[in-house]
Amino acid sequence: MFEIWGPLAGGLILLVVGGELLVRGAVRVAAGLGVSPLVIGLTLVGFGTSTPELVTSVQAALAGAPGIAYGNIVGSSIANILLIAGIAALVSPMIIASSALKRDGVVMLAVAIVFSAVAFTMPLGRVAGGLFVAALLAYIYLAFRQERAAAPAGHGAVYEKSAALQETDAALVPAQPPQTSLLVSALIAIGGLVLVVMGGRLLVDGAVALARSYAISETVIGLTIVAVGTSMPELVTSVVAGIRKQGDVAFGNIVGSNIYNILGIGGFTALASPGAVPQEIVAFDNLVMIGVSLAFVAFAWTGLRIARWEGAALLCGYVGYVYAIWP
């Protein structure tokens, strides 16, 4: 039993701790090099909580476990909306006032549809992976231009995702001047990267062992245990935003995370190990991802808040989803 759950638990702990150290160190290095706080927030901090998913999916794909790799990506996106948004809305009703966030919600839905369509028609090769990563970079660039212009429409999802992380952990706010030397900060980042890589390997090994021991498909393990485990940073930051009654921040954190997951992690996974998305994900889970994304965007565009009863409905939806896919 320990041979299975030990690596799973240890891998998740190393992923979370390593991801935290990696982002902290990288933020301090960037601040020491004179990079603007806005750029740091939209890139290093914004991508920070996606590091566990990135490393886990890439390592799973390289290890010949595409069910865990793509199950983690799709499962995290579903869990972000149904589980994490549901909990955040239960804590405090989520009011989405920013039209920029509504626009980013549409981007999230479009990205989910494109990913699902590509996965349905062909294996995800390096060309598709490169296009996904390029689309993410273009999205971040446009977000940077929007924030620099201080658009009256309000902040976008990437900014709010960064804000959620920085408000949860003050150490992620770029210090002026840096409190530690560049060498120490770089060593912290490198140490965090090592822990993340080790954690990803342990998590993948534990997930594969769990699937084989209990005759559960690797895809189901990736869609549930691995996906929820690697989404813990998003859960913490969204709940903290909910407690502080910052509905836009919680909503933006979830939308931004899903865009990063599908374009960034999906793209890098395809670049590292080209291959087909498992058929069970293509035929069912991708459609669920599109459906819950559509519902989430509909909540935002109606101008109504995501009330507690709607949060409860999202949570019930997640319970139903897990029940449907669990053998």
Protein backbone atom coordinates (compact mmCIF):
# COMPACT_ATOMS: atom_id res chain seq x y z
CA MET A 1 0.00 0.00 0.00
CA PHE A 2 2.76 2.45 0.96
CA GLU A 3 4.57 1.63 -2.28
CA ILE A 4 1.62 3.25 -4.08
CA TRP A 5 0.35 6.02 -1.82
CA GLY A 6 3.81 6.99 -0.54
CA PRO A 7 5.09 8.14 -3.96
CA LEU A 8 1.74 9.80 -4.71
CA ALA A 9 1.72 11.85 -1.50
CA GLY A 10 5.45 12.54 -1.60
CA GLY A 11 5.26 13.59 -5.24
CA LEU A 12 2.43 16.05 -4.58
CA ILE A 13 4.28 17.57 -1.62
CA LEU A 14 7.48 17.98 -3.62
CA LEU A 15 5.54 19.48 -6.54
CA VAL A 16 3.86 22.10 -4.36
CA VAL A 17 6.96 23.01 -2.33
CA GLY A 18 9.24 22.93 -5.37
CA GLY A 19 6.84 25.02 -7.44
CA GLU A 20 6.68 27.61 -4.67
CA LEU A 21 10.48 27.84 -4.39
CA LEU A 22 10.91 27.92 -8.16
CA VAL A 23 8.55 30.86 -8.58
CA ARG A 24 9.93 32.73 -5.55
CA GLY A 25 13.51 32.41 -6.77
CA ALA A 26 12.63 33.29 -10.36
CA VAL A 27 10.68 36.38 -9.26
CA ARG A 28 13.62 37.62 -7.19
CA VAL A 29 16.08 37.01 -10.02
CA ALA A 30 13.87 38.89 -12.48
CA ALA A 31 13.42 41.78 -10.05
CA GLY A 32 17.18 41.91 -9.50
CA LEU A 33 17.71 42.11 -13.27
CA GLY A 34 15.35 45.07 -13.50
CA VAL A 35 12.40 43.32 -15.17
CA SER A 36 9.18 45.29 -14.63
CA PRO A 37 6.78 44.02 -11.96
CA LEU A 38 4.01 43.79 -14.58
CA VAL A 39 6.04 41.47 -16.81
CA ILE A 40 7.03 39.37 -13.77
CA GLY A 41 3.40 39.13 -12.70
CA LEU A 42 2.04 38.17 -16.11
CA THR A 43 4.74 35.57 -16.82
CA LEU A 44 6.62 34.10 -13.86
CA VAL A 45 3.92 34.53 -11.23
CA GLY A 46 1.02 33.86 -13.59
CA PHE A 47 2.50 30.58 -14.78
CA GLY A 48 3.67 29.63 -11.29
CA THR A 49 0.76 27.48 -10.16
CA SER A 50 0.78 25.62 -13.47
CA THR A 51 4.29 24.27 -12.91
CA PRO A 52 3.13 21.07 -11.14
CA GLU A 53 0.73 20.25 -14.00
CA LEU A 54 3.40 21.03 -16.60
CA VAL A 55 6.09 18.80 -15.12
CA THR A 56 3.67 15.98 -14.34
CA SER A 57 2.12 15.90 -17.82
CA VAL A 58 5.44 16.11 -19.66
CA GLN A 59 7.00 13.36 -17.53
CA ALA A 60 3.92 11.16 -17.88
CA ALA A 61 3.99 11.56 -21.67
CA LEU A 62 7.72 10.76 -21.79
CA ALA A 63 7.08 7.71 -19.57
CA GLY A 64 4.52 6.37 -22.05
CA ALA A 65 1.46 7.22 -19.95
CA PRO A 66 -0.60 9.58 -22.17
CA GLY A 67 -3.73 8.87 -20.12
CA ILE A 68 -2.09 10.51 -17.10
CA ALA A 69 -0.52 13.28 -19.20
CA TYR A 70 -3.68 14.44 -20.98
CA GLY A 71 -6.00 13.32 -18.19
CA ASN A 72 -4.13 15.74 -15.94
CA ILE A 73 -4.64 18.61 -18.40
CA VAL A 74 -8.33 18.01 -19.10
CA GLY A 75 -9.12 16.86 -15.56
CA SER A 76 -7.48 19.97 -14.07
CA SER A 77 -9.55 22.21 -16.33
CA ILE A 78 -12.77 20.44 -15.30
CA ALA A 79 -11.80 20.47 -11.62
CA ASN A 80 -10.91 24.18 -11.75
CA ILE A 81 -14.45 25.05 -12.85
CA LEU A 82 -16.61 22.49 -11.06
CA LEU A 83 -14.62 21.82 -7.88
CA ILE A 84 -12.55 24.95 -7.24
CA ALA A 85 -14.99 27.57 -8.56
CA GLY A 86 -17.76 25.70 -6.73
CA ILE A 87 -15.92 25.89 -3.41
CA ALA A 88 -14.91 29.54 -3.96
CA ALA A 89 -18.53 30.50 -4.75
CA LEU A 90 -19.73 28.69 -1.64
CA VAL A 91 -17.24 30.68 0.45
CA SER A 92 -18.37 33.96 -1.10
CA PRO A 93 -20.63 34.61 -4.13
CA MET A 94 -18.47 35.40 -7.16
CA ILE A 95 -19.31 38.73 -8.85
CA ILE A 96 -17.72 39.19 -12.29
CA ALA A 97 -17.77 42.90 -13.02
CA SER A 98 -14.96 43.18 -15.57
CA SER A 99 -15.83 42.96 -19.26
CA ALA A 100 -12.17 42.01 -19.87
CA LEU A 101 -12.69 38.93 -17.73
CA LYS A 102 -15.81 38.02 -19.68
CA ARG A 103 -13.76 38.26 -22.87
CA ASP A 104 -11.08 36.00 -21.39
CA GLY A 105 -13.80 33.54 -20.42
CA VAL A 106 -14.71 33.32 -24.12
CA VAL A 107 -11.01 32.76 -24.90
CA MET A 108 -11.00 29.90 -22.37
CA LEU A 109 -14.05 28.35 -24.06
CA ALA A 110 -12.54 28.78 -27.54
CA VAL A 111 -9.27 27.20 -26.43
CA ALA A 112 -11.13 24.19 -25.00
CA ILE A 113 -13.05 23.76 -28.25
CA VAL A 114 -9.93 24.03 -30.44
CA PHE A 115 -7.98 21.57 -28.27
CA SER A 116 -10.85 19.08 -28.37
CA ALA A 117 -11.30 19.45 -32.14
CA VAL A 118 -7.59 18.93 -32.83
CA ALA A 119 -7.46 15.91 -30.49
CA PHE A 120 -10.50 14.44 -32.27
CA THR A 121 -9.08 14.80 -35.77
CA MET A 122 -5.40 13.94 -35.34
CA PRO A 123 -2.62 12.99 -32.90
CA LEU A 124 -1.08 15.98 -31.14
CA GLY A 125 2.24 16.38 -32.93
CA ARG A 126 4.99 18.93 -32.50
CA VAL A 127 3.40 21.31 -35.01
CA ALA A 128 0.17 21.43 -33.00
CA GLY A 129 2.15 21.72 -29.76
CA GLY A 130 4.18 24.60 -31.16
CA LEU A 131 1.04 26.39 -32.31
CA PHE A 132 -0.54 26.01 -28.87
CA VAL A 133 2.54 27.46 -27.15
CA ALA A 134 2.71 30.30 -29.70
CA ALA A 135 -0.97 31.06 -29.06
CA LEU A 136 -0.28 31.24 -25.31
CA LEU A 137 2.64 33.62 -25.84
CA ALA A 138 0.47 35.81 -28.08
CA TYR A 139 -2.28 35.80 -25.43
CA ILE A 140 0.19 36.86 -22.71
CA TYR A 141 1.57 39.61 -24.98
CA LEU A 142 -1.90 40.97 -25.64
CA ALA A 143 -2.64 40.82 -21.90
CA PHE A 144 0.56 42.81 -21.25
CA ARG A 145 -0.47 45.48 -23.77
CA GLN A 146 -3.94 45.68 -22.22
CA GLU A 147 -2.59 46.10 -18.69
CA ARG A 148 -0.07 48.74 -19.78
CA ALA A 149 -2.87 50.70 -21.40
CA ALA A 150 -4.84 50.48 -18.14
CA ALA A 151 -7.98 49.67 -20.10
CA PRO A 152 -11.18 50.93 -18.47
CA ALA A 153 -12.77 47.55 -19.17
CA GLY A 154 -10.90 46.17 -16.15
CA HIS A 155 -8.10 43.70 -15.60
CA GLY A 156 -7.92 40.45 -17.56
CA ALA A 157 -7.59 36.87 -16.40
CA VAL A 158 -3.78 36.71 -16.52
CA TYR A 159 -3.50 39.80 -14.30
CA GLU A 160 -6.08 38.50 -11.83
CA LYS A 161 -4.36 35.09 -11.67
CA SER A 162 -1.10 36.86 -10.78
CA ALA A 163 -2.91 39.06 -8.25
CA ALA A 164 -4.47 36.02 -6.58
CA LEU A 165 -1.06 34.41 -6.13
CA GLN A 166 0.62 37.57 -4.90
CA GLU A 167 -2.11 38.25 -2.36
CA THR A 168 -1.87 34.69 -1.08
CA ASP A 169 1.93 34.76 -0.86
CA ALA A 170 3.58 38.16 -0.39
CA ALA A 171 6.97 36.62 -1.24
CA LEU A 172 5.85 36.52 -4.89
CA VAL A 173 5.58 40.32 -5.08
CA PRO A 174 8.74 41.68 -6.77
CA ALA A 175 10.83 43.48 -4.14
CA GLN A 176 12.62 46.76 -4.91
CA PRO A 177 15.49 46.34 -4.28
CA PRO A 178 15.72 42.54 -4.00
CA GLN A 179 16.16 41.32 -0.44
CA THR A 180 18.58 38.54 -1.41
CA SER A 181 21.50 38.32 -3.81
CA LEU A 182 20.97 37.13 -7.36
CA LEU A 183 23.06 34.02 -6.66
CA VAL A 184 20.96 32.99 -3.66
CA SER A 185 17.75 33.68 -5.58
CA ALA A 186 18.99 31.63 -8.54
CA LEU A 187 19.92 28.75 -6.24
CA ILE A 188 16.43 28.86 -4.70
CA ALA A 189 14.88 28.69 -8.17
CA ILE A 190 17.16 25.82 -9.24
CA GLY A 191 16.44 23.94 -6.01
CA GLY A 192 12.71 24.40 -6.60
CA LEU A 193 13.07 23.10 -10.15
CA VAL A 194 14.88 19.98 -8.90
CA LEU A 195 12.12 19.32 -6.35
CA VAL A 196 9.41 19.80 -8.99
CA VAL A 197 11.09 17.34 -11.36
CA MET A 198 11.53 14.78 -8.55
CA GLY A 199 7.95 15.30 -7.41
CA GLY A 200 6.58 14.87 -10.92
CA ARG A 201 8.46 11.60 -11.35
CA LEU A 202 7.24 10.27 -7.99
CA LEU A 203 3.65 11.29 -8.76
CA VAL A 204 3.68 9.63 -12.17
CA ASP A 205 5.24 6.44 -10.76
CA GLY A 206 2.68 6.33 -7.96
CA ALA A 207 -0.22 6.98 -10.33
CA VAL A 208 0.88 4.22 -12.72
CA ALA A 209 1.31 1.80 -9.79
CA LEU A 210 -2.13 2.72 -8.45
CA ALA A 211 -3.75 2.13 -11.83
CA ARG A 212 -2.09 -1.27 -12.24
CA SER A 213 -2.78 -2.45 -8.67
CA TYR A 214 -6.49 -1.64 -8.71
CA ALA A 215 -7.11 -2.32 -12.43
CA ILE A 216 -8.16 1.29 -12.95
CA SER A 217 -7.20 2.94 -16.22
CA GLU A 218 -4.35 5.42 -16.12
CA THR A 219 -6.67 7.92 -17.79
CA VAL A 220 -9.14 7.86 -14.87
CA ILE A 221 -6.29 8.30 -12.37
CA GLY A 222 -4.98 11.24 -14.41
CA LEU A 223 -8.43 12.83 -14.68
CA THR A 224 -9.11 12.62 -10.94
CA ILE A 225 -6.34 12.05 -8.38
CA VAL A 226 -3.48 13.55 -10.39
CA ALA A 227 -5.57 16.43 -11.75
CA VAL A 228 -6.97 17.46 -8.37
CA GLY A 229 -3.60 17.03 -6.65
CA THR A 230 -1.76 19.28 -9.08
CA SER A 231 -4.60 21.86 -8.89
CA MET A 232 -4.17 22.46 -5.15
CA PRO A 233 -2.43 25.85 -5.65
CA GLU A 234 -5.43 27.08 -7.66
CA LEU A 235 -7.77 25.84 -4.92
CA VAL A 236 -5.90 27.74 -2.19
CA THR A 237 -5.64 31.01 -4.14
CA SER A 238 -9.28 30.93 -5.29
CA VAL A 239 -10.59 30.21 -1.78
CA VAL A 240 -8.45 33.02 -0.33
CA ALA A 241 -9.86 35.37 -2.99
CA GLY A 242 -13.35 34.19 -2.05
CA ILE A 243 -12.74 34.85 1.65
CA ARG A 244 -11.60 38.38 0.74
CA LYS A 245 -14.74 38.77 -1.41
CA GLN A 246 -12.68 39.34 -4.56
CA GLY A 247 -14.91 37.66 -7.11
CA ASP A 248 -13.05 39.00 -10.14
CA VAL A 249 -9.75 37.68 -8.77
CA ALA A 250 -11.17 34.20 -8.12
CA PHE A 251 -12.83 34.06 -11.55
CA GLY A 252 -9.71 35.32 -13.33
CA ASN A 253 -7.52 32.83 -11.48
CA ILE A 254 -9.64 29.93 -12.74
CA VAL A 255 -9.99 31.22 -16.31
CA GLY A 256 -6.27 32.03 -16.54
CA SER A 257 -5.32 28.64 -15.15
CA ASN A 258 -7.43 26.83 -17.74
CA ILE A 259 -5.92 28.83 -20.60
CA TYR A 260 -2.42 28.05 -19.31
CA ASN A 261 -3.33 24.37 -18.84
CA ILE A 262 -4.66 23.76 -22.34
CA LEU A 263 -2.35 25.95 -24.42
CA GLY A 264 0.83 25.85 -22.32
CA ILE A 265 0.82 22.41 -20.76
CA GLY A 266 -0.96 20.76 -23.69
CA GLY A 267 1.47 22.43 -26.07
CA PHE A 268 4.63 21.53 -24.18
CA THR A 269 3.41 17.95 -23.67
CA ALA A 270 2.86 17.55 -27.42
CA LEU A 271 6.28 19.09 -28.12
CA ALA A 272 8.03 16.77 -25.66
CA SER A 273 6.21 13.57 -26.63
CA PRO A 274 3.95 13.72 -29.71
CA GLY A 275 1.07 11.27 -29.67
CA ALA A 276 -2.68 10.77 -29.69
CA VAL A 277 -4.92 11.87 -26.85
CA PRO A 278 -6.55 8.72 -25.38
CA GLN A 279 -9.85 7.92 -27.08
CA GLU A 280 -11.86 7.90 -23.84
CA ILE A 281 -10.80 11.52 -23.18
CA VAL A 282 -11.61 12.55 -26.75
CA ALA A 283 -15.04 10.90 -26.69
CA PHE A 284 -16.21 12.06 -23.25
CA ASP A 285 -13.99 14.20 -21.03
CA ASN A 286 -13.17 16.80 -23.68
CA LEU A 287 -16.91 17.27 -24.23
CA VAL A 288 -17.42 17.68 -20.48
CA MET A 289 -14.64 20.29 -20.44
CA ILE A 290 -16.36 22.23 -23.22
CA GLY A 291 -19.75 21.96 -21.50
CA VAL A 292 -18.60 23.20 -18.09
CA SER A 293 -16.55 25.97 -19.74
CA LEU A 294 -19.64 27.10 -21.61
CA ALA A 295 -21.69 27.09 -18.40
CA PHE A 296 -19.02 29.10 -16.58
CA VAL A 297 -18.85 31.70 -19.35
CA ALA A 298 -22.65 31.89 -19.42
CA PHE A 299 -22.62 32.72 -15.69
CA ALA A 300 -20.20 35.58 -16.37
CA TRP A 301 -21.99 37.01 -19.40
CA THR A 302 -25.41 37.13 -17.77
CA GLY A 303 -24.04 39.81 -15.47
CA LEU A 304 -25.29 37.81 -12.52
CA ARG A 305 -23.01 36.67 -9.75
CA ILE A 306 -22.17 33.03 -9.26
CA ALA A 307 -24.26 32.58 -6.15
CA ARG A 308 -23.75 30.01 -3.41
CA TRP A 309 -26.46 27.74 -4.81
CA GLU A 310 -24.70 27.83 -8.18
CA GLY A 311 -21.43 26.97 -6.44
CA ALA A 312 -23.21 24.03 -4.83
CA ALA A 313 -24.52 23.00 -8.26
CA LEU A 314 -20.97 23.11 -9.65
CA LEU A 315 -19.74 20.92 -6.79
CA CYS A 316 -22.55 18.45 -7.35
CA GLY A 317 -21.59 18.41 -11.01
CA TYR A 318 -18.06 17.41 -10.08
CA VAL A 319 -19.29 14.60 -7.85
CA GLY A 320 -21.46 13.38 -10.73
CA TYR A 321 -18.56 13.60 -13.17
CA VAL A 322 -16.24 11.55 -10.96
CA TYR A 323 -19.02 9.02 -10.37
CA ALA A 324 -19.54 8.72 -14.14
CA ILE A 325 -15.90 7.99 -14.99
CA TRP A 326 -14.88 5.94 -11.94
CA PRO A 327 -15.05 2.20 -12.64
